[in-house]
C-alpha cells in the first residue's frame, strides 16, 4: 500500500485534516515540491 492510500484511509476513519494534507502531499508528483 502506498503512503497516500494509508493517509487517505486514516482521513476517512478519523476526519483528520492533517491526514488529508499528508495524503495530498504524497499524491503529488515527486518533482512537484
PDB file of N, CA and C in Angstrom:
ATOM      1  N   UNK A   1       0.841  -1.204   0.000  1.00  0.00           N
ATOM      2  CA  UNK A   1       0.000   0.000   0.000  1.00  0.00           C
ATOM      3  C   UNK A   1       0.875   1.253   0.000  1.00  0.00           C
ATOM      4  N   UNK A   2       0.492   2.194  -0.838  1.00  0.00           N
ATOM      5  CA  UNK A   2       1.239   3.449  -0.886  1.00  0.00           C
ATOM      6  C   UNK A   2       0.925   4.307   0.341  1.00  0.00           C
ATOM      7  N   UNK A   3       1.855   5.192   0.665  1.00  0.00           N
ATOM      8  CA  UNK A   3       1.635   6.097   1.794  1.00  0.00           C
ATOM      9  C   UNK A   3       0.389   6.940   1.580  1.00  0.00           C
ATOM     10  N   UNK A   4       0.170   7.374   0.341  1.00  0.00           N
ATOM     11  CA  UNK A   4      -1.010   8.189   0.054  1.00  0.00           C
ATOM     12  C   UNK A   4      -2.285   7.446   0.437  1.00  0.00           C
ATOM     13  N   UNK A   5      -2.333   6.154   0.082  1.00  0.00           N
ATOM     14  CA  UNK A   5      -3.511   5.358   0.415  1.00  0.00           C
ATOM     15  C   UNK A   5      -3.672   5.214   1.920  1.00  0.00           C
ATOM     16  N   UNK A   6      -2.551   5.044   2.608  1.00  0.00           N
ATOM     17  CA  UNK A   6      -2.576   4.902   4.056  1.00  0.00           C
ATOM     18  C   UNK A   6      -3.159   6.150   4.714  1.00  0.00           C
ATOM     19  N   UNK A   7      -2.689   7.320   4.272  1.00  0.00           N
ATOM     20  CA  UNK A   7      -3.186   8.568   4.848  1.00  0.00           C
ATOM     21  C   UNK A   7      -4.633   8.833   4.459  1.00  0.00           C
ATOM     22  N   UNK A   8      -5.019   8.397   3.239  1.00  0.00           N
ATOM     23  CA  UNK A   8      -6.417   8.580   2.834  1.00  0.00           C
ATOM     24  C   UNK A   8      -7.332   7.768   3.749  1.00  0.00           C
ATOM     25  N   UNK A   9      -6.949   6.516   4.003  1.00  0.00           N
ATOM     26  CA  UNK A   9      -7.744   5.666   4.894  1.00  0.00           C
ATOM     27  C   UNK A   9      -7.828   6.267   6.291  1.00  0.00           C
ATOM     28  N   UNK A  10      -6.726   6.837   6.753  1.00  0.00           N
ATOM     29  CA  UNK A  10      -6.707   7.483   8.064  1.00  0.00           C
ATOM     30  C   UNK A  10      -7.654   8.678   8.079  1.00  0.00           C
ATOM     31  N   UNK A  11      -7.640   9.459   6.996  1.00  0.00           N
ATOM     32  CA  UNK A  11      -8.530  10.616   6.889  1.00  0.00           C
ATOM     33  C   UNK A  11      -9.999  10.186   6.916  1.00  0.00           C
ATOM     34  N   UNK A  12     -10.322   9.150   6.158  1.00  0.00           N
ATOM     35  CA  UNK A  12     -11.700   8.664   6.104  1.00  0.00           C
ATOM     36  C   UNK A  12     -12.169   8.201   7.484  1.00  0.00           C
ATOM     37  N   UNK A  13     -11.287   7.523   8.206  1.00  0.00           N
ATOM     38  CA  UNK A  13     -11.675   6.983   9.511  1.00  0.00           C
ATOM     39  C   UNK A  13     -11.752   8.059  10.587  1.00  0.00           C
ATOM     40  N   UNK A  14     -10.843   9.028  10.549  1.00  0.00           N
ATOM     41  CA  UNK A  14     -10.726   9.980  11.651  1.00  0.00           C
ATOM     42  C   UNK A  14     -11.192  11.388  11.306  1.00  0.00           C
ATOM     43  N   UNK A  15     -11.281  11.698  10.001  1.00  0.00           N
ATOM     44  CA  UNK A  15     -11.634  13.048   9.600  1.00  0.00           C
ATOM     45  C   UNK A  15     -10.497  14.024   9.860  1.00  0.00           C
ATOM     46  N   UNK A  16      -9.285  13.488  10.005  1.00  0.00           N
ATOM     47  CA  UNK A  16      -8.129  14.313  10.333  1.00  0.00           C
ATOM     48  C   UNK A  16      -7.686  15.156   9.144  1.00  0.00           C
ATOM     49  N   UNK A  17      -7.677  16.466   9.329  1.00  0.00           N
ATOM     50  CA  UNK A  17      -7.214  17.361   8.276  1.00  0.00           C
ATOM     51  C   UNK A  17      -5.736  17.122   8.001  1.00  0.00           C
ATOM     52  N   UNK A  18      -4.976  16.852   9.051  1.00  0.00           N
ATOM     53  CA  UNK A  18      -3.547  16.576   8.889  1.00  0.00           C
ATOM     54  C   UNK A  18      -3.333  15.369   7.986  1.00  0.00           C
ATOM     55  N   UNK A  19      -4.120  14.331   8.202  1.00  0.00           N
ATOM     56  CA  UNK A  19      -4.007  13.132   7.369  1.00  0.00           C
ATOM     57  C   UNK A  19      -4.320  13.464   5.916  1.00  0.00           C
ATOM     58  N   UNK A  20      -5.331  14.324   5.704  1.00  0.00           N
ATOM     59  CA  UNK A  20      -5.693  14.716   4.341  1.00  0.00           C
ATOM     60  C   UNK A  20      -4.572  15.492   3.674  1.00  0.00           C
ATOM     61  N   UNK A  21      -3.959  16.417   4.400  1.00  0.00           N
ATOM     62  CA  UNK A  21      -2.856  17.200   3.842  1.00  0.00           C
ATOM     63  C   UNK A  21      -1.669  16.306   3.509  1.00  0.00           C
ATOM     64  N   UNK A  22      -1.391  15.334   4.363  1.00  0.00           N
ATOM     65  CA  UNK A  22      -0.315  14.383   4.087  1.00  0.00           C
ATOM     66  C   UNK A  22      -0.651  13.552   2.857  1.00  0.00           C
ATOM     67  N   UNK A  23      -1.918  13.183   2.729  1.00  0.00           N
ATOM     68  CA  UNK A  23      -2.368  12.444   1.546  1.00  0.00           C
ATOM     69  C   UNK A  23      -2.097  13.249   0.283  1.00  0.00           C
ATOM     70  N   UNK A  24      -2.490  14.528   0.299  1.00  0.00           N
ATOM     71  CA  UNK A  24      -2.274  15.381  -0.865  1.00  0.00           C
ATOM     72  C   UNK A  24      -0.793  15.517  -1.173  1.00  0.00           C
ATOM     73  N   UNK A  25       0.019  15.615  -0.126  1.00  0.00           N
ATOM     74  CA  UNK A  25       1.459  15.752  -0.311  1.00  0.00           C
ATOM     75  C   UNK A  25       2.046  14.517  -0.998  1.00  0.00           C
ATOM     76  N   UNK A  26       1.629  13.334  -0.550  1.00  0.00           N
ATOM     77  CA  UNK A  26       2.163  12.103  -1.133  1.00  0.00           C
ATOM     78  C   UNK A  26       1.536  11.779  -2.485  1.00  0.00           C
ATOM     79  N   UNK A  27       0.357  12.345  -2.754  1.00  0.00           N
ATOM     80  CA  UNK A  27      -0.270  12.158  -4.057  1.00  0.00           C
ATOM     81  C   UNK A  27       0.446  12.973  -5.132  1.00  0.00           C
ATOM     82  N   UNK A  28       1.029  14.095  -4.727  1.00  0.00           N
ATOM     83  CA  UNK A  28       1.679  14.985  -5.688  1.00  0.00           C
ATOM     84  C   UNK A  28       2.848  14.280  -6.366  1.00  0.00           C
ATOM     85  N   UNK A  29       3.073  14.584  -7.650  1.00  0.00           N
ATOM     86  CA  UNK A  29       4.236  14.028  -8.350  1.00  0.00           C
ATOM     87  C   UNK A  29       5.520  14.374  -7.611  1.00  0.00           C
ATOM     88  N   UNK A  30       6.503  13.504  -7.684  1.00  0.00           N
ATOM     89  CA  UNK A  30       7.748  13.680  -6.941  1.00  0.00           C
ATOM     90  C   UNK A  30       8.444  14.994  -7.285  1.00  0.00           C
ATOM     91  N   UNK A  31       8.325  15.401  -8.546  1.00  0.00           N
ATOM     92  CA  UNK A  31       9.022  16.612  -8.973  1.00  0.00           C
ATOM     93  C   UNK A  31       8.333  17.875  -8.476  1.00  0.00           C
ATOM     94  N   UNK A  32       7.076  17.757  -8.111  1.00  0.00           N
ATOM     95  CA  UNK A  32       6.303  18.923  -7.673  1.00  0.00           C
ATOM     96  C   UNK A  32       6.394  19.074  -6.167  1.00  0.00           C
ATOM     97  N   UNK A  33       7.323  19.902  -5.718  1.00  0.00           N
ATOM     98  CA  UNK A  33       7.502  20.086  -4.280  1.00  0.00           C
ATOM     99  C   UNK A  33       6.817  21.352  -3.820  1.00  0.00           C
TER     100      UNK A  33
END
